[in-house]
Amino acid sequence: MSPTGPVPLSPDEEAVMRALGRFLLVMPRALDADLMREQRMSASEYAVLRHLSETPGQLMRMSELATACDMSLSGMTRLAAKLESLGHLRRIRCQEDARGANAVLTEKGLARLREAWPTHLASVRRHIFDHLGDLDLKALAAAFQTMAEPDD
C-alpha cells in the first residue's frame, strides 16, 4: 500500500479479527444450547429475567428492556408475553407514560432465574473463562467496554 493508503492488518491483528468474529457467532449459540438442554430456557429468556432482577423494584420499561437485551421491541413483546404466560413477569402500564408498558419480575420469575443461574455460570466458565488462563480480566473488560461505546 502507499504511505497515504490504508495500512493492512498485521498477521496477529488479522488472527484476532477472525477469532473474534468466530467467537461472536459461536459463543451465544453455545450458551443458549446449554441453557436449553439443561434448563429448557433460552439465553434470551435468561437475559430478560437477569436484567429485571438487577433493576430497582425489579421493573423496567419494555423499550429499555428490549435495548438491554439487544432485541427489537416487537421481539421483546413476544418474549415478554411468553414469560408472562409462564408467570415469570407481569406487564403493567407505565405510570409516567400511559402509552408505555413496564415489565415486572415476579417471585416465580426470580425463582426460575435462581434455578437457571448455576447452569449459566457453569456454561460461561466452561466456554469462556476456562480458556483465558492468566489473562488480565480487568484490562480485557475495559477493552471490550471501550470497543462497545458508540463512535462520536
Protein backbone atom coordinates (compact mmCIF):
# COMPACT_ATOMS: atom_id res chain seq x y z
CA MET A 1 0.00 0.00 0.00
CA SER A 2 1.05 3.57 -0.49
CA PRO A 3 2.12 5.62 2.53
CA THR A 4 -1.18 7.52 2.33
CA GLY A 5 -3.39 4.46 1.81
CA PRO A 6 -4.86 2.12 4.37
CA VAL A 7 -2.39 0.05 6.34
CA PRO A 8 -3.26 -3.65 6.21
CA LEU A 9 -3.75 -5.55 9.43
CA SER A 10 -0.73 -7.34 10.77
CA PRO A 11 -0.95 -11.15 10.82
CA ASP A 12 -1.64 -11.01 14.58
CA GLU A 13 -4.35 -8.36 14.14
CA GLU A 14 -5.92 -10.40 11.34
CA ALA A 15 -5.88 -13.51 13.54
CA VAL A 16 -7.60 -11.59 16.36
CA MET A 17 -10.27 -10.25 13.98
CA ARG A 18 -11.04 -13.69 12.58
CA ALA A 19 -11.08 -15.35 16.01
CA LEU A 20 -13.29 -12.59 17.42
CA GLY A 21 -15.72 -12.93 14.53
CA ARG A 22 -15.93 -16.67 15.08
CA PHE A 23 -16.33 -16.20 18.85
CA LEU A 24 -19.20 -13.74 18.36
CA LEU A 25 -21.04 -16.28 16.21
CA VAL A 26 -20.33 -19.42 18.23
CA MET A 27 -20.50 -18.26 21.85
CA PRO A 28 -24.12 -17.08 22.04
CA ARG A 29 -25.23 -20.35 20.44
CA ALA A 30 -23.16 -22.42 22.89
CA LEU A 31 -24.51 -20.59 25.95
CA ASP A 32 -28.06 -20.83 24.60
CA ALA A 33 -27.68 -24.56 23.85
CA ASP A 34 -26.51 -25.28 27.41
CA LEU A 35 -29.44 -23.39 28.93
CA MET A 36 -31.92 -25.06 26.58
CA ARG A 37 -30.55 -28.54 27.20
CA GLU A 38 -30.30 -28.29 30.98
CA GLN A 39 -32.99 -25.76 31.88
CA ARG A 40 -35.41 -25.63 28.93
CA MET A 41 -34.79 -21.88 28.90
CA SER A 42 -33.34 -19.76 26.10
CA ALA A 43 -30.49 -17.34 26.66
CA SER A 44 -32.91 -14.54 25.71
CA GLU A 45 -35.34 -15.59 28.43
CA TYR A 46 -32.47 -15.77 30.91
CA ALA A 47 -31.28 -12.29 29.88
CA VAL A 48 -34.73 -10.77 30.41
CA LEU A 49 -35.05 -12.27 33.90
CA ARG A 50 -31.47 -11.28 34.78
CA HIS A 51 -31.91 -7.66 33.66
CA LEU A 52 -35.16 -7.32 35.58
CA SER A 53 -33.57 -8.83 38.70
CA GLU A 54 -30.80 -6.21 38.62
CA THR A 55 -33.03 -3.11 38.49
CA PRO A 56 -34.62 -1.19 41.36
CA GLY A 57 -38.06 -2.63 42.00
CA GLN A 58 -37.24 -5.37 39.50
CA LEU A 59 -39.10 -3.27 36.94
CA MET A 60 -38.06 -1.94 33.53
CA ARG A 61 -39.80 -0.16 30.73
CA MET A 62 -40.32 -2.62 27.87
CA SER A 63 -38.37 -0.45 25.41
CA GLU A 64 -35.41 -0.23 27.80
CA LEU A 65 -35.53 -3.97 28.41
CA ALA A 66 -35.51 -4.58 24.65
CA THR A 67 -32.44 -2.36 24.29
CA ALA A 68 -30.67 -4.02 27.24
CA CYS A 69 -31.31 -7.45 25.70
CA ASP A 70 -30.40 -6.28 22.17
CA MET A 71 -33.86 -7.13 20.85
CA SER A 72 -36.46 -5.30 18.79
CA LEU A 73 -39.46 -4.01 20.71
CA SER A 74 -41.74 -6.44 18.86
CA GLY A 75 -39.40 -9.33 19.69
CA MET A 76 -39.35 -8.26 23.33
CA THR A 77 -43.14 -8.01 23.34
CA ARG A 78 -43.45 -11.60 22.10
CA LEU A 79 -40.88 -12.88 24.59
CA ALA A 80 -42.50 -10.95 27.45
CA ALA A 81 -45.87 -12.48 26.53
CA LYS A 82 -44.32 -15.95 26.78
CA LEU A 83 -42.64 -15.17 30.12
CA GLU A 84 -45.88 -13.64 31.39
CA SER A 85 -47.80 -16.80 30.44
CA LEU A 86 -45.27 -18.78 32.49
CA GLY A 87 -45.78 -16.43 35.44
CA HIS A 88 -42.19 -15.12 35.33
CA LEU A 89 -43.09 -11.47 34.76
CA ARG A 90 -46.07 -9.16 34.64
CA ARG A 91 -46.63 -6.33 32.21
CA ILE A 92 -48.17 -3.18 33.63
CA ARG A 93 -48.93 0.27 32.26
CA CYS A 94 -46.21 2.85 32.72
CA GLN A 95 -47.39 5.49 35.21
CA GLU A 96 -45.24 8.21 33.62
CA ASP A 97 -46.49 7.50 30.08
CA ALA A 98 -49.76 5.61 29.64
CA ARG A 99 -48.70 4.58 26.13
CA GLY A 100 -45.75 2.62 27.50
CA ALA A 101 -45.56 -0.62 29.44
CA ASN A 102 -43.26 -1.91 32.14
CA ALA A 103 -42.15 -5.45 32.79
CA VAL A 104 -42.00 -6.52 36.44
CA LEU A 105 -40.21 -9.64 37.62
CA THR A 106 -42.42 -11.96 39.70
CA GLU A 107 -41.32 -14.15 42.59
CA LYS A 108 -41.75 -17.14 40.30
CA GLY A 109 -39.52 -15.45 37.70
CA LEU A 110 -36.85 -14.73 40.29
CA ALA A 111 -37.01 -18.33 41.49
CA ARG A 112 -36.65 -19.53 37.89
CA LEU A 113 -33.63 -17.26 37.37
CA ARG A 114 -32.02 -18.60 40.54
CA GLU A 115 -32.70 -22.16 39.35
CA ALA A 116 -31.06 -21.50 35.95
CA TRP A 117 -28.13 -19.45 37.27
CA PRO A 118 -25.83 -22.40 38.15
CA THR A 119 -26.24 -23.79 34.62
CA HIS A 120 -25.46 -20.40 33.07
CA LEU A 121 -22.49 -19.89 35.39
CA ALA A 122 -21.02 -23.31 34.58
CA SER A 123 -21.54 -22.70 30.86
CA VAL A 124 -19.82 -19.30 30.95
CA ARG A 125 -16.90 -20.71 32.91
CA ARG A 126 -16.52 -23.73 30.61
CA HIS A 127 -16.86 -21.87 27.32
CA ILE A 128 -15.06 -18.63 28.23
CA PHE A 129 -13.11 -18.26 31.46
CA ASP A 130 -11.53 -21.71 31.47
CA HIS A 131 -9.77 -20.70 28.23
CA LEU A 132 -8.41 -17.33 29.35
CA GLY A 133 -5.65 -18.53 31.65
CA ASP A 134 -3.74 -15.69 33.27
CA LEU A 135 -5.16 -13.01 31.00
CA ASP A 136 -5.74 -9.67 32.75
CA LEU A 137 -9.54 -9.76 33.08
CA LYS A 138 -9.82 -6.11 34.17
CA ALA A 139 -7.91 -4.99 31.08
CA LEU A 140 -9.96 -7.30 28.86
CA ALA A 141 -13.25 -5.99 30.31
CA ALA A 142 -12.07 -2.38 29.89
CA ALA A 143 -11.08 -3.02 26.27
CA PHE A 144 -14.44 -4.64 25.48
CA GLN A 145 -16.28 -1.78 27.19
CA THR A 146 -14.32 0.81 25.21
CA MET A 147 -14.98 -1.01 21.93
CA ALA A 148 -18.70 -1.24 22.75
CA GLU A 149 -19.03 2.53 23.22
CA PRO A 150 -20.65 4.28 20.26
CA ASP A 151 -18.40 6.29 17.98
CA ASP A 152 -18.94 10.04 18.17
